[in-house]
Amino acid sequence: MNINEILERGQTLGIAALEEMSKGDMIRAIQLAEGSNDCFGNLCRFDCLEFDCCWREDCRTVKPG
C-alpha cells in the first residue's frame, strides 16, 4: 500500500496528525483504530500467522517503516 493510500485510510478513520507520523506509526494507528493489534513492524513479524493482513507484505520487509 502506498503512502497516499495509507493516509486516505487513516483519514477515513478520523486519525489526526497523520502527516506528522512515520509510515509505521500511521499503520499502527490505523491498526488500533480498526480494533487490531498495533503489531506492524514488530520483532515477531517474521513469525506472524496473520496471512490475510493487508499490511503483511510491507511489514515483513527488513525495514518496514
C-alpha atoms as a PDB file:
ATOM      1  CA  MET A   1       0.000   0.000   0.000  1.00  0.00           C
ATOM      2  CA  ASN A   2       1.481   3.351  -0.939  1.00  0.00           C
ATOM      3  CA  ILE A   3       1.681   6.328   1.423  1.00  0.00           C
ATOM      4  CA  ASN A   4      -1.300   8.111  -0.172  1.00  0.00           C
ATOM      5  CA  GLU A   5      -3.495   5.035   0.314  1.00  0.00           C
ATOM      6  CA  ILE A   6      -2.359   4.788   3.935  1.00  0.00           C
ATOM      7  CA  LEU A   7      -3.123   8.483   4.520  1.00  0.00           C
ATOM      8  CA  GLU A   8      -6.557   8.131   2.940  1.00  0.00           C
ATOM      9  CA  ARG A   9      -7.382   5.076   5.040  1.00  0.00           C
ATOM     10  CA  GLY A  10      -6.276   6.840   8.220  1.00  0.00           C
ATOM     11  CA  GLN A  11      -8.223   9.984   7.396  1.00  0.00           C
ATOM     12  CA  THR A  12     -11.332   7.885   6.779  1.00  0.00           C
ATOM     13  CA  LEU A  13     -10.920   6.526  10.308  1.00  0.00           C
ATOM     14  CA  GLY A  14     -10.562  10.058  11.717  1.00  0.00           C
ATOM     15  CA  ILE A  15      -6.943   9.726  12.828  1.00  0.00           C
ATOM     16  CA  ALA A  16      -5.420  13.151  13.421  1.00  0.00           C
ATOM     17  CA  ALA A  17      -1.927  14.380  12.510  1.00  0.00           C
ATOM     18  CA  LEU A  18      -1.173  11.533  10.091  1.00  0.00           C
ATOM     19  CA  GLU A  19       1.147  13.709   8.007  1.00  0.00           C
ATOM     20  CA  GLU A  20       3.431  14.105  11.034  1.00  0.00           C
ATOM     21  CA  MET A  21       3.779  10.346  11.595  1.00  0.00           C
ATOM     22  CA  SER A  22       6.204   7.852  10.111  1.00  0.00           C
ATOM     23  CA  LYS A  23       4.738   5.194   7.825  1.00  0.00           C
ATOM     24  CA  GLY A  24       4.987   2.600  10.602  1.00  0.00           C
ATOM     25  CA  ASP A  25       3.300   4.865  13.140  1.00  0.00           C
ATOM     26  CA  MET A  26       0.498   5.613  10.672  1.00  0.00           C
ATOM     27  CA  ILE A  27      -0.126   1.924  10.080  1.00  0.00           C
ATOM     28  CA  ARG A  28      -0.055   1.098  13.810  1.00  0.00           C
ATOM     29  CA  ALA A  29      -2.549   3.934  14.463  1.00  0.00           C
ATOM     30  CA  ILE A  30      -4.810   2.505  11.746  1.00  0.00           C
ATOM     31  CA  GLN A  31      -4.495  -0.997  13.214  1.00  0.00           C
ATOM     32  CA  LEU A  32      -5.601   0.298  16.631  1.00  0.00           C
ATOM     33  CA  ALA A  33      -8.465   2.339  15.146  1.00  0.00           C
ATOM     34  CA  GLU A  34      -9.698  -0.782  13.347  1.00  0.00           C
ATOM     35  CA  GLY A  35      -9.600  -2.819  16.551  1.00  0.00           C
ATOM     36  CA  SER A  36      -6.500  -4.850  15.722  1.00  0.00           C
ATOM     37  CA  ASN A  37      -3.172  -5.233  17.483  1.00  0.00           C
ATOM     38  CA  ASP A  38      -0.701  -2.498  16.599  1.00  0.00           C
ATOM     39  CA  CYS A  39       1.889  -5.042  15.530  1.00  0.00           C
ATOM     40  CA  PHE A  40       3.221  -3.589  12.274  1.00  0.00           C
ATOM     41  CA  GLY A  41       6.988  -3.983  12.056  1.00  0.00           C
ATOM     42  CA  ASN A  42       7.423  -5.550  15.477  1.00  0.00           C
ATOM     43  CA  LEU A  43      10.146  -8.068  16.256  1.00  0.00           C
ATOM     44  CA  CYS A  44       7.805 -11.051  15.784  1.00  0.00           C
ATOM     45  CA  ARG A  45       6.795 -10.070  12.245  1.00  0.00           C
ATOM     46  CA  PHE A  46       8.588 -12.984  10.588  1.00  0.00           C
ATOM     47  CA  ASP A  47       6.640 -15.452  12.756  1.00  0.00           C
ATOM     48  CA  CYS A  48       3.271 -13.799  12.074  1.00  0.00           C
ATOM     49  CA  LEU A  49       0.361 -16.089  11.277  1.00  0.00           C
ATOM     50  CA  GLU A  50      -1.968 -13.331  10.032  1.00  0.00           C
ATOM     51  CA  PHE A  51      -1.763 -14.398   6.388  1.00  0.00           C
ATOM     52  CA  ASP A  52      -4.678 -12.243   5.229  1.00  0.00           C
ATOM     53  CA  CYS A  53      -3.360  -8.994   6.762  1.00  0.00           C
ATOM     54  CA  CYS A  54      -3.270  -6.151   4.240  1.00  0.00           C
ATOM     55  CA  TRP A  55      -0.016  -4.889   5.810  1.00  0.00           C
ATOM     56  CA  ARG A  56       1.805  -8.240   5.656  1.00  0.00           C
ATOM     57  CA  GLU A  57       3.973  -7.581   2.595  1.00  0.00           C
ATOM     58  CA  ASP A  58       5.265  -4.230   3.897  1.00  0.00           C
ATOM     59  CA  CYS A  59       5.556  -5.474   7.460  1.00  0.00           C
ATOM     60  CA  ARG A  60       7.829  -8.394   6.662  1.00  0.00           C
ATOM     61  CA  THR A  61      10.485  -6.312   4.888  1.00  0.00           C
ATOM     62  CA  VAL A  62      13.858  -5.654   6.520  1.00  0.00           C
ATOM     63  CA  LYS A  63      12.947  -2.016   7.311  1.00  0.00           C
ATOM     64  CA  PRO A  64       9.145  -1.833   7.439  1.00  0.00           C
ATOM     65  CA  GLY A  65       8.918   1.822   8.459  1.00  0.00           C
END
